[in-house]
Amino acid sequence: MIRAMDHQLTNDSYLAHLAADGRALIAAVEAAPDARVAACPEWTNTGLAEHVATVWNFAIAQVESGDPSGPQRPSSDPDESMSDLLDRAVAVLSDADPDAPAWNWTDDQRSGWWCRRMAHEASVHRWDAQEAAQTIEPIDADLATDGITELIEVGLRFRPRGGWDLEYPNGSLHLHRTDGEGEWLLTAVDGELVATFEHAKGDAAARGTASDLLLYLWG
């Protein structure tokens, strides 16, 4: 059981972050295309960019299709620059009715879901690319705080491909943001993860800025 937090950023804010972090990601890749990505050592920055481009194309296809019955096959233009693809992703998400149907792997089958997911996809991979290029900037604190919650609500509940169930050892972890409001308690009981958003003592604790906590959770 994971209870959703009441506050999220607006879709306009998510799209602004997608645009800004997407541009910064592209700049880092262009600055150091052959640099290795520490979080995914099999990738260079160029490989990371190819992954992100695939994700952007996939998101565009789901929103443009409006068919929630199953994942839609994306189309891609090999001559389209990553910058143009980013602009297209932002435009498609911005123009879509956030309540219009769009497939994803959760129980929230709406276009607006993709605004949030793409903002966090861009922010974490922008950090990855900048780390490889040695030009790191932290993730925006409010976005990172929402990213922690999104990872708990989505990443720890739903599997994109349905093939890897997680087993949680009994115990609890308290996360405490140090640069603003934000506390999370993750408790595993009989293999089930329960998340609450409160000040409480856990068996283990992690304290840090919102950006550092989000990156810690993503490994």
N, C-alpha and C. Protein backbone atom coordinates (compact mmCIF):
# COMPACT_ATOMS: atom_id res chain seq x y z
N MET A 1 0.86 -1.19 0.00
CA MET A 1 0.00 0.00 0.00
C MET A 1 0.89 1.23 0.00
N ILE A 2 0.68 2.12 -0.93
CA ILE A 2 1.42 3.36 -0.99
C ILE A 2 0.41 4.49 -1.18
N ARG A 3 0.33 5.33 -0.19
CA ARG A 3 -0.62 6.45 -0.24
C ARG A 3 0.02 7.61 -0.99
N ALA A 4 -0.68 8.12 -1.99
CA ALA A 4 -0.14 9.21 -2.79
C ALA A 4 -0.08 10.50 -1.97
N MET A 5 0.97 11.28 -2.19
CA MET A 5 1.04 12.60 -1.58
C MET A 5 0.04 13.51 -2.28
N ASP A 6 -0.46 14.47 -1.53
CA ASP A 6 -1.48 15.36 -2.07
C ASP A 6 -0.90 16.37 -3.05
N HIS A 7 0.35 16.79 -2.84
CA HIS A 7 0.87 17.87 -3.67
C HIS A 7 1.83 17.35 -4.73
N GLN A 8 1.58 17.80 -5.96
CA GLN A 8 2.47 17.57 -7.08
C GLN A 8 2.68 18.91 -7.75
N LEU A 9 3.67 18.98 -8.63
CA LEU A 9 3.87 20.17 -9.42
C LEU A 9 2.80 20.23 -10.52
N THR A 10 2.62 21.39 -11.12
CA THR A 10 1.67 21.51 -12.22
C THR A 10 2.29 20.93 -13.49
N ASN A 11 1.44 20.59 -14.44
CA ASN A 11 1.96 20.10 -15.71
C ASN A 11 2.82 21.14 -16.41
N ASP A 12 2.45 22.42 -16.30
CA ASP A 12 3.28 23.47 -16.89
C ASP A 12 4.68 23.47 -16.28
N SER A 13 4.74 23.25 -14.97
CA SER A 13 6.04 23.20 -14.30
C SER A 13 6.84 21.99 -14.75
N TYR A 14 6.17 20.84 -14.84
CA TYR A 14 6.86 19.64 -15.33
C TYR A 14 7.45 19.88 -16.72
N LEU A 15 6.67 20.50 -17.60
CA LEU A 15 7.14 20.71 -18.96
C LEU A 15 8.27 21.73 -19.02
N ALA A 16 8.22 22.73 -18.14
CA ALA A 16 9.33 23.69 -18.08
C ALA A 16 10.61 22.99 -17.64
N HIS A 17 10.49 22.08 -16.67
CA HIS A 17 11.67 21.32 -16.23
C HIS A 17 12.14 20.38 -17.33
N LEU A 18 11.21 19.74 -18.03
CA LEU A 18 11.60 18.87 -19.14
C LEU A 18 12.40 19.65 -20.18
N ALA A 19 11.92 20.83 -20.53
CA ALA A 19 12.61 21.63 -21.54
C ALA A 19 14.00 22.05 -21.05
N ALA A 20 14.08 22.54 -19.82
CA ALA A 20 15.36 23.04 -19.30
C ALA A 20 16.36 21.90 -19.09
N ASP A 21 15.91 20.83 -18.44
CA ASP A 21 16.83 19.71 -18.20
C ASP A 21 17.17 19.00 -19.50
N GLY A 22 16.22 18.94 -20.42
CA GLY A 22 16.52 18.33 -21.72
C GLY A 22 17.60 19.09 -22.46
N ARG A 23 17.52 20.42 -22.46
CA ARG A 23 18.55 21.23 -23.13
C ARG A 23 19.90 21.05 -22.44
N ALA A 24 19.89 21.03 -21.10
CA ALA A 24 21.15 20.85 -20.37
C ALA A 24 21.74 19.47 -20.62
N LEU A 25 20.89 18.46 -20.73
CA LEU A 25 21.36 17.11 -21.05
C LEU A 25 22.05 17.10 -22.42
N ILE A 26 21.40 17.70 -23.40
CA ILE A 26 21.96 17.75 -24.75
C ILE A 26 23.31 18.46 -24.74
N ALA A 27 23.41 19.56 -24.00
CA ALA A 27 24.67 20.30 -23.93
C ALA A 27 25.78 19.46 -23.32
N ALA A 28 25.45 18.69 -22.27
CA ALA A 28 26.46 17.85 -21.63
C ALA A 28 26.91 16.73 -22.56
N VAL A 29 25.98 16.17 -23.31
CA VAL A 29 26.34 15.12 -24.27
C VAL A 29 27.24 15.68 -25.36
N GLU A 30 26.90 16.86 -25.86
CA GLU A 30 27.73 17.47 -26.91
C GLU A 30 29.12 17.82 -26.39
N ALA A 31 29.21 18.18 -25.11
CA ALA A 31 30.51 18.55 -24.53
C ALA A 31 31.40 17.34 -24.30
N ALA A 32 30.79 16.19 -24.00
CA ALA A 32 31.58 14.99 -23.69
C ALA A 32 30.87 13.75 -24.21
N PRO A 33 30.79 13.58 -25.53
CA PRO A 33 29.99 12.48 -26.09
C PRO A 33 30.52 11.10 -25.75
N ASP A 34 31.82 10.97 -25.52
CA ASP A 34 32.41 9.66 -25.27
C ASP A 34 32.64 9.37 -23.79
N ALA A 35 32.24 10.29 -22.92
CA ALA A 35 32.43 10.08 -21.48
C ALA A 35 31.53 8.96 -20.98
N ARG A 36 32.04 8.16 -20.05
CA ARG A 36 31.28 7.05 -19.49
C ARG A 36 30.29 7.55 -18.45
N VAL A 37 29.09 6.95 -18.44
CA VAL A 37 28.04 7.30 -17.49
C VAL A 37 28.18 6.39 -16.28
N ALA A 38 28.49 6.97 -15.12
CA ALA A 38 28.81 6.16 -13.94
C ALA A 38 27.65 5.26 -13.52
N ALA A 39 26.43 5.77 -13.59
CA ALA A 39 25.27 4.98 -13.15
C ALA A 39 24.96 3.84 -14.12
N CYS A 40 25.37 3.98 -15.36
CA CYS A 40 25.15 2.95 -16.39
C CYS A 40 26.46 2.79 -17.16
N PRO A 41 27.44 2.10 -16.59
CA PRO A 41 28.79 2.10 -17.16
C PRO A 41 28.88 1.50 -18.56
N GLU A 42 27.85 0.80 -18.99
CA GLU A 42 27.87 0.27 -20.36
C GLU A 42 27.57 1.36 -21.38
N TRP A 43 27.14 2.53 -20.91
CA TRP A 43 26.80 3.64 -21.79
C TRP A 43 27.88 4.70 -21.77
N THR A 44 28.13 5.30 -22.93
CA THR A 44 28.75 6.61 -22.99
C THR A 44 27.63 7.65 -22.97
N ASN A 45 28.01 8.92 -22.95
CA ASN A 45 26.97 9.95 -23.02
C ASN A 45 26.16 9.83 -24.31
N THR A 46 26.81 9.41 -25.38
CA THR A 46 26.09 9.22 -26.64
C THR A 46 25.04 8.13 -26.50
N GLY A 47 25.39 7.03 -25.85
CA GLY A 47 24.42 5.97 -25.62
C GLY A 47 23.29 6.41 -24.72
N LEU A 48 23.62 7.22 -23.72
CA LEU A 48 22.58 7.77 -22.84
C LEU A 48 21.62 8.63 -23.64
N ALA A 49 22.15 9.46 -24.53
CA ALA A 49 21.30 10.31 -25.36
C ALA A 49 20.39 9.47 -26.24
N GLU A 50 20.90 8.38 -26.79
CA GLU A 50 20.07 7.50 -27.62
C GLU A 50 18.94 6.89 -26.80
N HIS A 51 19.24 6.51 -25.56
CA HIS A 51 18.19 5.98 -24.68
C HIS A 51 17.12 7.03 -24.42
N VAL A 52 17.54 8.23 -24.07
CA VAL A 52 16.57 9.29 -23.76
C VAL A 52 15.73 9.62 -25.00
N ALA A 53 16.35 9.66 -26.17
CA ALA A 53 15.60 9.92 -27.39
C ALA A 53 14.54 8.84 -27.63
N THR A 54 14.90 7.59 -27.35
CA THR A 54 13.93 6.50 -27.49
C THR A 54 12.75 6.69 -26.55
N VAL A 55 13.04 7.11 -25.32
CA VAL A 55 11.98 7.34 -24.34
C VAL A 55 11.09 8.50 -24.77
N TRP A 56 11.68 9.59 -25.25
CA TRP A 56 10.88 10.72 -25.70
C TRP A 56 9.97 10.31 -26.85
N ASN A 57 10.51 9.57 -27.81
CA ASN A 57 9.69 9.11 -28.93
C ASN A 57 8.56 8.21 -28.46
N PHE A 58 8.84 7.36 -27.49
CA PHE A 58 7.82 6.46 -26.97
C PHE A 58 6.70 7.26 -26.30
N ALA A 59 7.06 8.25 -25.48
CA ALA A 59 6.06 9.07 -24.80
C ALA A 59 5.19 9.81 -25.82
N ILE A 60 5.82 10.37 -26.84
CA ILE A 60 5.07 11.08 -27.88
C ILE A 60 4.04 10.15 -28.52
N ALA A 61 4.44 8.92 -28.81
CA ALA A 61 3.54 7.98 -29.47
C ALA A 61 2.33 7.65 -28.60
N GLN A 62 2.54 7.51 -27.30
CA GLN A 62 1.41 7.17 -26.41
C GLN A 62 0.42 8.32 -26.33
N VAL A 63 0.93 9.54 -26.25
CA VAL A 63 0.05 10.70 -26.10
C VAL A 63 -0.66 11.00 -27.41
N GLU A 64 0.05 10.94 -28.53
CA GLU A 64 -0.57 11.23 -29.82
C GLU A 64 -1.61 10.18 -30.19
N SER A 65 -1.39 8.94 -29.80
CA SER A 65 -2.33 7.87 -30.13
C SER A 65 -3.65 8.02 -29.40
N GLY A 66 -3.59 8.34 -28.11
CA GLY A 66 -4.80 8.42 -27.31
C GLY A 66 -5.46 7.07 -27.09
N ASP A 67 -4.71 5.99 -27.28
CA ASP A 67 -5.26 4.64 -27.14
C ASP A 67 -4.66 3.99 -25.90
N PRO A 68 -5.46 3.83 -24.83
CA PRO A 68 -4.93 3.27 -23.60
C PRO A 68 -4.93 1.75 -23.55
N SER A 69 -5.28 1.10 -24.67
CA SER A 69 -5.43 -0.36 -24.64
C SER A 69 -4.10 -1.09 -24.58
N GLY A 70 -3.03 -0.43 -24.98
CA GLY A 70 -1.73 -1.07 -24.95
C GLY A 70 -0.68 -0.13 -25.51
N PRO A 71 0.60 -0.45 -25.32
CA PRO A 71 1.65 0.45 -25.79
C PRO A 71 1.64 0.60 -27.31
N GLN A 72 1.81 1.82 -27.76
CA GLN A 72 1.80 2.13 -29.18
C GLN A 72 3.23 2.21 -29.70
N ARG A 73 3.44 1.69 -30.89
CA ARG A 73 4.78 1.69 -31.47
C ARG A 73 5.15 3.11 -31.92
N PRO A 74 6.28 3.62 -31.45
CA PRO A 74 6.67 4.97 -31.87
C PRO A 74 7.30 4.96 -33.25
N SER A 75 7.23 6.10 -33.91
CA SER A 75 7.96 6.30 -35.16
C SER A 75 9.08 7.29 -34.89
N SER A 76 10.15 7.20 -35.61
CA SER A 76 11.26 8.12 -35.39
C SER A 76 11.84 8.54 -36.73
N ASP A 77 12.37 9.73 -36.75
CA ASP A 77 13.01 10.29 -37.94
C ASP A 77 14.51 10.29 -37.69
N PRO A 78 15.28 9.48 -38.42
CA PRO A 78 16.72 9.42 -38.16
C PRO A 78 17.44 10.73 -38.39
N ASP A 79 16.81 11.64 -39.14
CA ASP A 79 17.43 12.94 -39.41
C ASP A 79 17.02 14.00 -38.39
N GLU A 80 16.12 13.65 -37.47
CA GLU A 80 15.67 14.63 -36.47
C GLU A 80 16.72 14.78 -35.39
N SER A 81 17.12 16.01 -35.12
CA SER A 81 18.10 16.25 -34.07
C SER A 81 17.46 16.01 -32.71
N MET A 82 18.29 15.78 -31.71
CA MET A 82 17.75 15.56 -30.37
C MET A 82 17.08 16.83 -29.86
N SER A 83 17.63 17.98 -30.24
CA SER A 83 17.02 19.25 -29.84
C SER A 83 15.62 19.40 -30.43
N ASP A 84 15.47 19.05 -31.71
CA ASP A 84 14.15 19.12 -32.34
C ASP A 84 13.19 18.10 -31.72
N LEU A 85 13.71 16.92 -31.38
CA LEU A 85 12.87 15.91 -30.74
C LEU A 85 12.39 16.40 -29.38
N LEU A 86 13.26 17.04 -28.63
CA LEU A 86 12.86 17.60 -27.34
C LEU A 86 11.76 18.63 -27.53
N ASP A 87 11.94 19.53 -28.49
CA ASP A 87 10.92 20.55 -28.74
C ASP A 87 9.59 19.89 -29.11
N ARG A 88 9.66 18.83 -29.89
CA ARG A 88 8.43 18.14 -30.30
C ARG A 88 7.76 17.46 -29.11
N ALA A 89 8.56 16.85 -28.24
CA ALA A 89 7.99 16.21 -27.05
C ALA A 89 7.29 17.23 -26.16
N VAL A 90 7.94 18.36 -25.94
CA VAL A 90 7.33 19.40 -25.10
C VAL A 90 6.05 19.91 -25.75
N ALA A 91 6.06 20.12 -27.07
CA ALA A 91 4.88 20.63 -27.76
C ALA A 91 3.73 19.63 -27.70
N VAL A 92 4.00 18.35 -27.93
CA VAL A 92 2.94 17.34 -27.90
C VAL A 92 2.33 17.24 -26.52
N LEU A 93 3.16 17.21 -25.50
CA LEU A 93 2.65 17.12 -24.13
C LEU A 93 1.90 18.39 -23.73
N SER A 94 2.38 19.53 -24.19
CA SER A 94 1.74 20.80 -23.85
C SER A 94 0.38 20.93 -24.52
N ASP A 95 0.27 20.47 -25.76
CA ASP A 95 -0.98 20.62 -26.51
C ASP A 95 -2.04 19.60 -26.11
N ALA A 96 -1.63 18.51 -25.50
CA ALA A 96 -2.57 17.43 -25.16
C ALA A 96 -3.43 17.80 -23.96
N ASP A 97 -4.68 17.38 -23.99
CA ASP A 97 -5.53 17.48 -22.81
C ASP A 97 -4.96 16.54 -21.75
N PRO A 98 -4.59 17.06 -20.58
CA PRO A 98 -3.96 16.19 -19.58
C PRO A 98 -4.85 15.04 -19.11
N ASP A 99 -6.15 15.16 -19.33
CA ASP A 99 -7.07 14.09 -18.93
C ASP A 99 -7.41 13.15 -20.08
N ALA A 100 -6.85 13.41 -21.26
CA ALA A 100 -7.11 12.54 -22.40
C ALA A 100 -6.44 11.18 -22.18
N PRO A 101 -7.03 10.11 -22.71
CA PRO A 101 -6.44 8.78 -22.49
C PRO A 101 -5.09 8.64 -23.18
N ALA A 102 -4.19 7.96 -22.52
CA ALA A 102 -2.87 7.65 -23.07
C ALA A 102 -2.30 6.47 -22.29
N TRP A 103 -1.81 5.48 -23.00
CA TRP A 103 -1.30 4.29 -22.32
C TRP A 103 -0.04 4.59 -21.52
N ASN A 104 0.07 3.97 -20.36
CA ASN A 104 1.34 3.82 -19.66
C ASN A 104 1.21 2.55 -18.82
N TRP A 105 2.21 2.23 -18.05
CA TRP A 105 2.21 0.95 -17.33
C TRP A 105 1.64 1.04 -15.92
N THR A 106 0.91 2.13 -15.61
CA THR A 106 0.30 2.28 -14.29
C THR A 106 -1.22 2.27 -14.43
N ASP A 107 -1.90 2.59 -13.33
CA ASP A 107 -3.36 2.66 -13.37
C ASP A 107 -3.86 4.08 -13.65
N ASP A 108 -2.97 5.02 -13.97
CA ASP A 108 -3.34 6.39 -14.30
C ASP A 108 -3.13 6.59 -15.80
N GLN A 109 -4.12 6.18 -16.58
CA GLN A 109 -3.99 6.15 -18.04
C GLN A 109 -4.38 7.49 -18.66
N ARG A 110 -3.63 8.53 -18.33
CA ARG A 110 -3.93 9.87 -18.84
C ARG A 110 -2.66 10.50 -19.41
N SER A 111 -2.87 11.40 -20.37
CA SER A 111 -1.73 12.08 -20.99
C SER A 111 -0.90 12.85 -19.99
N GLY A 112 -1.57 13.47 -19.01
CA GLY A 112 -0.84 14.27 -18.03
C GLY A 112 0.19 13.48 -17.25
N TRP A 113 -0.03 12.16 -17.12
CA TRP A 113 0.94 11.32 -16.43
C TRP A 113 2.32 11.43 -17.07
N TRP A 114 2.33 11.54 -18.39
CA TRP A 114 3.59 11.58 -19.10
C TRP A 114 4.36 12.87 -18.86
N CYS A 115 3.68 13.97 -18.54
CA CYS A 115 4.38 15.21 -18.23
C CYS A 115 5.28 15.01 -17.02
N ARG A 116 4.73 14.40 -16.00
CA ARG A 116 5.50 14.16 -14.77
C ARG A 116 6.64 13.17 -15.03
N ARG A 117 6.34 12.07 -15.70
CA ARG A 117 7.36 11.04 -15.93
C ARG A 117 8.51 11.57 -16.77
N MET A 118 8.20 12.34 -17.80
CA MET A 118 9.26 12.85 -18.67
C MET A 118 10.10 13.92 -17.98
N ALA A 119 9.50 14.70 -17.10
CA ALA A 119 10.28 15.68 -16.34
C ALA A 119 11.33 14.98 -15.48
N HIS A 120 10.92 13.91 -14.81
CA HIS A 120 11.86 13.20 -13.95
C HIS A 120 12.87 12.39 -14.75
N GLU A 121 12.44 11.83 -15.87
CA GLU A 121 13.38 11.13 -16.75
C GLU A 121 14.49 12.08 -17.20
N ALA A 122 14.11 13.28 -17.59
CA ALA A 122 15.09 14.25 -18.08
C ALA A 122 16.00 14.73 -16.96
N SER A 123 15.45 14.96 -15.77
CA SER A 123 16.27 15.53 -14.69
C SER A 123 17.35 14.56 -14.23
N VAL A 124 16.99 13.30 -14.04
CA VAL A 124 17.97 12.32 -13.56
C VAL A 124 19.02 12.04 -14.63
N HIS A 125 18.60 11.89 -15.87
CA HIS A 125 19.58 11.61 -16.93
C HIS A 125 20.39 12.85 -17.29
N ARG A 126 19.84 14.03 -17.10
CA ARG A 126 20.65 15.24 -17.24
C ARG A 126 21.79 15.23 -16.24
N TRP A 127 21.47 14.85 -14.99
CA TRP A 127 22.51 14.76 -13.96
C TRP A 127 23.54 13.70 -14.36
N ASP A 128 23.08 12.56 -14.87
CA ASP A 128 24.01 11.52 -15.32
C ASP A 128 24.97 12.05 -16.38
N ALA A 129 24.41 12.76 -17.36
CA ALA A 129 25.23 13.28 -18.46
C ALA A 129 26.21 14.34 -17.96
N GLN A 130 25.74 15.19 -17.05
CA GLN A 130 26.63 16.21 -16.52
C GLN A 130 27.71 15.62 -15.63
N GLU A 131 27.38 14.57 -14.89
CA GLU A 131 28.42 13.91 -14.09
C GLU A 131 29.51 13.36 -15.01
N ALA A 132 29.09 12.74 -16.10
CA ALA A 132 30.07 12.21 -17.05
C ALA A 132 30.92 13.33 -17.65
N ALA A 133 30.29 14.48 -17.90
CA ALA A 133 31.00 15.62 -18.48
C ALA A 133 31.70 16.48 -17.44
N GLN A 134 31.54 16.12 -16.16
CA GLN A 134 32.14 16.85 -15.03
C GLN A 134 31.64 18.29 -14.96
N THR A 135 30.32 18.44 -15.18
CA THR A 135 29.69 19.76 -15.08
C THR A 135 28.41 19.67 -14.25
N ILE A 136 28.46 18.95 -13.14
CA ILE A 136 27.25 18.60 -12.39
C ILE A 136 26.57 19.83 -11.78
N GLU A 137 25.26 19.87 -11.94
CA GLU A 137 24.40 20.79 -11.20
C GLU A 137 23.32 19.95 -10.52
N PRO A 138 22.94 20.28 -9.27
CA PRO A 138 21.92 19.48 -8.59
C PRO A 138 20.57 19.58 -9.29
N ILE A 139 19.74 18.60 -9.06
CA ILE A 139 18.37 18.63 -9.56
C ILE A 139 17.59 19.66 -8.75
N ASP A 140 16.72 20.40 -9.41
CA ASP A 140 15.88 21.38 -8.73
C ASP A 140 15.23 20.75 -7.51
N ALA A 141 15.27 21.46 -6.37
CA ALA A 141 14.85 20.87 -5.10
C ALA A 141 13.38 20.45 -5.11
N ASP A 142 12.50 21.31 -5.62
CA ASP A 142 11.08 20.96 -5.64
C ASP A 142 10.81 19.80 -6.59
N LEU A 143 11.48 19.82 -7.73
CA LEU A 143 11.31 18.71 -8.68
C LEU A 143 11.85 17.42 -8.08
N ALA A 144 13.00 17.48 -7.42
CA ALA A 144 13.57 16.28 -6.81
C ALA A 144 12.67 15.73 -5.71
N THR A 145 12.06 16.62 -4.93
CA THR A 145 11.14 16.17 -3.88
C THR A 145 9.97 15.41 -4.50
N ASP A 146 9.41 15.97 -5.56
CA ASP A 146 8.34 15.26 -6.26
C ASP A 146 8.86 13.98 -6.90
N GLY A 147 10.12 14.00 -7.33
CA GLY A 147 10.71 12.81 -7.93
C GLY A 147 10.83 11.66 -6.95
N ILE A 148 11.15 11.97 -5.70
CA ILE A 148 11.20 10.93 -4.67
C ILE A 148 9.83 10.29 -4.52
N THR A 149 8.81 11.14 -4.44
CA THR A 149 7.45 10.63 -4.30
C THR A 149 7.03 9.84 -5.53
N GLU A 150 7.39 10.34 -6.72
CA GLU A 150 7.03 9.62 -7.95
C GLU A 150 7.70 8.26 -8.00
N LEU A 151 8.95 8.19 -7.56
CA LEU A 151 9.64 6.90 -7.55
C LEU A 151 8.94 5.93 -6.61
N ILE A 152 8.49 6.43 -5.46
CA ILE A 152 7.77 5.57 -4.51
C ILE A 152 6.41 5.16 -5.07
N GLU A 153 5.67 6.13 -5.61
CA GLU A 153 4.31 5.87 -6.09
C GLU A 153 4.28 5.04 -7.36
N VAL A 154 5.27 5.25 -8.23
CA VAL A 154 5.27 4.60 -9.54
C VAL A 154 6.34 3.52 -9.62
N GLY A 155 7.59 3.90 -9.38
CA GLY A 155 8.69 2.97 -9.58
C GLY A 155 8.67 1.77 -8.66
N LEU A 156 8.14 1.94 -7.45
CA LEU A 156 8.11 0.83 -6.49
C LEU A 156 6.78 0.09 -6.51
N ARG A 157 5.86 0.52 -7.36
CA ARG A 157 4.56 -0.15 -7.46
C ARG A 157 4.35 -0.84 -8.80
N PHE A 158 4.81 -0.19 -9.86
CA PHE A 158 4.49 -0.67 -11.21
C PHE A 158 5.77 -0.99 -11.97
N ARG A 159 5.75 -2.07 -12.70
CA ARG A 159 6.91 -2.50 -13.46
C ARG A 159 6.66 -2.23 -14.94
N PRO A 160 7.54 -1.46 -15.60
CA PRO A 160 7.30 -1.13 -17.01
C PRO A 160 7.11 -2.36 -17.90
N ARG A 161 7.81 -3.43 -17.61
CA ARG A 161 7.70 -4.62 -18.46
C ARG A 161 7.11 -5.80 -17.70
N GLY A 162 6.76 -5.61 -16.46
CA GLY A 162 6.03 -6.63 -15.72
C GLY A 162 6.83 -7.84 -15.30
N GLY A 163 8.16 -7.83 -15.47
CA GLY A 163 8.89 -9.06 -15.27
C GLY A 163 9.77 -9.15 -14.04
N TRP A 164 9.82 -8.11 -13.22
CA TRP A 164 10.76 -8.17 -12.10
C TRP A 164 10.10 -7.70 -10.82
N ASP A 165 9.54 -8.64 -10.09
CA ASP A 165 8.91 -8.35 -8.81
C ASP A 165 9.99 -8.15 -7.75
N LEU A 166 9.81 -7.13 -6.94
CA LEU A 166 10.76 -6.85 -5.87
C LEU A 166 10.29 -7.49 -4.58
N GLU A 167 11.24 -7.98 -3.81
CA GLU A 167 10.96 -8.48 -2.48
C GLU A 167 11.61 -7.54 -1.47
N TYR A 168 10.82 -7.11 -0.51
CA TYR A 168 11.31 -6.15 0.46
C TYR A 168 11.55 -6.85 1.80
N PRO A 169 12.77 -6.77 2.34
CA PRO A 169 13.01 -7.36 3.66
C PRO A 169 12.29 -6.56 4.73
N ASN A 170 11.84 -7.23 5.78
CA ASN A 170 11.15 -6.53 6.86
C ASN A 170 12.07 -5.48 7.46
N GLY A 171 11.51 -4.31 7.69
CA GLY A 171 12.26 -3.20 8.24
C GLY A 171 11.72 -1.90 7.69
N SER A 172 12.35 -0.80 8.06
CA SER A 172 11.86 0.51 7.63
C SER A 172 13.03 1.44 7.35
N LEU A 173 12.78 2.38 6.45
CA LEU A 173 13.76 3.39 6.06
C LEU A 173 13.10 4.75 6.12
N HIS A 174 13.70 5.67 6.87
CA HIS A 174 13.20 7.04 6.96
C HIS A 174 14.08 7.94 6.10
N LEU A 175 13.45 8.69 5.20
CA LEU A 175 14.14 9.66 4.36
C LEU A 175 13.79 11.06 4.83
N HIS A 176 14.81 11.89 5.02
CA HIS A 176 14.58 13.23 5.56
C HIS A 176 15.30 14.24 4.66
N ARG A 177 14.51 15.08 4.01
CA ARG A 177 15.07 16.15 3.19
C ARG A 177 15.61 17.26 4.09
N THR A 178 16.82 17.74 3.80
CA THR A 178 17.45 18.75 4.65
C THR A 178 17.37 20.16 4.08
N ASP A 179 16.93 20.31 2.82
CA ASP A 179 16.88 21.65 2.23
C ASP A 179 15.45 22.12 2.01
N GLY A 180 14.53 21.62 2.81
CA GLY A 180 13.13 22.02 2.71
C GLY A 180 12.24 20.93 3.29
N GLU A 181 10.94 21.11 3.10
CA GLU A 181 9.98 20.15 3.65
C GLU A 181 9.98 18.87 2.84
N GLY A 182 9.96 17.75 3.53
CA GLY A 182 9.87 16.46 2.85
C GLY A 182 10.43 15.34 3.70
N GLU A 183 9.55 14.43 4.13
CA GLU A 183 9.95 13.24 4.87
C GLU A 183 9.11 12.06 4.40
N TRP A 184 9.76 10.92 4.30
CA TRP A 184 9.11 9.71 3.81
C TRP A 184 9.51 8.54 4.71
N LEU A 185 8.57 7.69 5.03
CA LEU A 185 8.87 6.47 5.79
C LEU A 185 8.44 5.27 4.95
N LEU A 186 9.40 4.44 4.62
CA LEU A 186 9.15 3.22 3.85
C LEU A 186 9.28 2.04 4.78
N THR A 187 8.21 1.25 4.88
CA THR A 187 8.19 0.11 5.79
C THR A 187 7.78 -1.14 5.01
N ALA A 188 8.54 -2.21 5.19
CA ALA A 188 8.20 -3.48 4.56
C ALA A 188 7.65 -4.42 5.61
N VAL A 189 6.46 -4.95 5.34
CA VAL A 189 5.81 -5.89 6.25
C VAL A 189 5.40 -7.11 5.43
N ASP A 190 5.99 -8.24 5.75
CA ASP A 190 5.68 -9.49 5.04
C ASP A 190 5.84 -9.33 3.53
N GLY A 191 6.89 -8.62 3.14
CA GLY A 191 7.19 -8.46 1.72
C GLY A 191 6.43 -7.37 1.02
N GLU A 192 5.53 -6.69 1.72
CA GLU A 192 4.74 -5.60 1.11
C GLU A 192 5.30 -4.27 1.58
N LEU A 193 5.45 -3.34 0.64
CA LEU A 193 5.98 -2.02 0.96
C LEU A 193 4.85 -1.06 1.30
N VAL A 194 4.98 -0.41 2.44
CA VAL A 194 4.02 0.61 2.87
C VAL A 194 4.78 1.92 2.97
N ALA A 195 4.28 2.96 2.31
CA ALA A 195 4.92 4.27 2.33
C ALA A 195 4.00 5.29 2.95
N THR A 196 4.53 6.06 3.89
CA THR A 196 3.80 7.18 4.46
C THR A 196 4.71 8.40 4.41
N PHE A 197 4.12 9.55 4.54
CA PHE A 197 4.86 10.79 4.40
C PHE A 197 4.75 11.54 5.72
N GLU A 198 5.74 11.26 6.60
CA GLU A 198 5.64 11.73 7.98
C GLU A 198 7.02 11.73 8.63
N HIS A 199 7.10 12.40 9.76
CA HIS A 199 8.30 12.34 10.59
C HIS A 199 8.16 11.15 11.52
N ALA A 200 9.05 10.19 11.38
CA ALA A 200 8.99 8.98 12.20
C ALA A 200 10.37 8.34 12.21
N LYS A 201 10.59 7.48 13.17
CA LYS A 201 11.89 6.82 13.30
C LYS A 201 11.86 5.50 12.54
N GLY A 202 12.83 5.29 11.67
CA GLY A 202 12.95 4.04 10.94
C GLY A 202 14.11 3.22 11.45
N ASP A 203 14.19 1.99 11.00
CA ASP A 203 15.33 1.14 11.36
C ASP A 203 16.63 1.69 10.77
N ALA A 204 16.51 2.37 9.65
CA ALA A 204 17.64 3.04 9.02
C ALA A 204 17.15 4.39 8.53
N ALA A 205 18.08 5.31 8.32
CA ALA A 205 17.68 6.65 7.90
C ALA A 205 18.68 7.19 6.90
N ALA A 206 18.19 8.05 6.02
CA ALA A 206 19.04 8.77 5.08
C ALA A 206 18.61 10.23 5.09
N ARG A 207 19.57 11.12 5.28
CA ARG A 207 19.31 12.55 5.29
C ARG A 207 20.13 13.20 4.18
N GLY A 208 19.54 14.18 3.54
CA GLY A 208 20.27 14.89 2.50
C GLY A 208 19.37 15.85 1.77
N THR A 209 19.96 16.58 0.84
CA THR A 209 19.14 17.45 0.01
C THR A 209 18.19 16.60 -0.83
N ALA A 210 17.16 17.23 -1.33
CA ALA A 210 16.20 16.49 -2.16
C ALA A 210 16.90 15.86 -3.36
N SER A 211 17.80 16.60 -3.98
CA SER A 211 18.52 16.07 -5.13
C SER A 211 19.34 14.85 -4.75
N ASP A 212 20.07 14.93 -3.64
CA ASP A 212 20.91 13.80 -3.23
C ASP A 212 20.07 12.59 -2.84
N LEU A 213 18.94 12.81 -2.17
CA LEU A 213 18.08 11.69 -1.79
C LEU A 213 17.51 10.99 -3.02
N LEU A 214 17.07 11.78 -4.00
CA LEU A 214 16.52 11.18 -5.21
C LEU A 214 17.57 10.34 -5.92
N LEU A 215 18.77 10.88 -6.05
CA LEU A 215 19.84 10.15 -6.73
C LEU A 215 20.26 8.92 -5.93
N TYR A 216 20.22 9.02 -4.61
CA TYR A 216 20.51 7.86 -3.76
C TYR A 216 19.50 6.74 -4.01
N LEU A 217 18.23 7.10 -4.11
CA LEU A 217 17.21 6.08 -4.33
C LEU A 217 17.33 5.43 -5.71
N TRP A 218 17.74 6.22 -6.69
CA TRP A 218 17.91 5.66 -8.03
C TRP A 218 19.20 4.85 -8.15
N GLY A 219 20.07 4.97 -7.14
CA GLY A 219 21.30 4.17 -7.16
C GLY A 219 22.38 4.77 -8.02
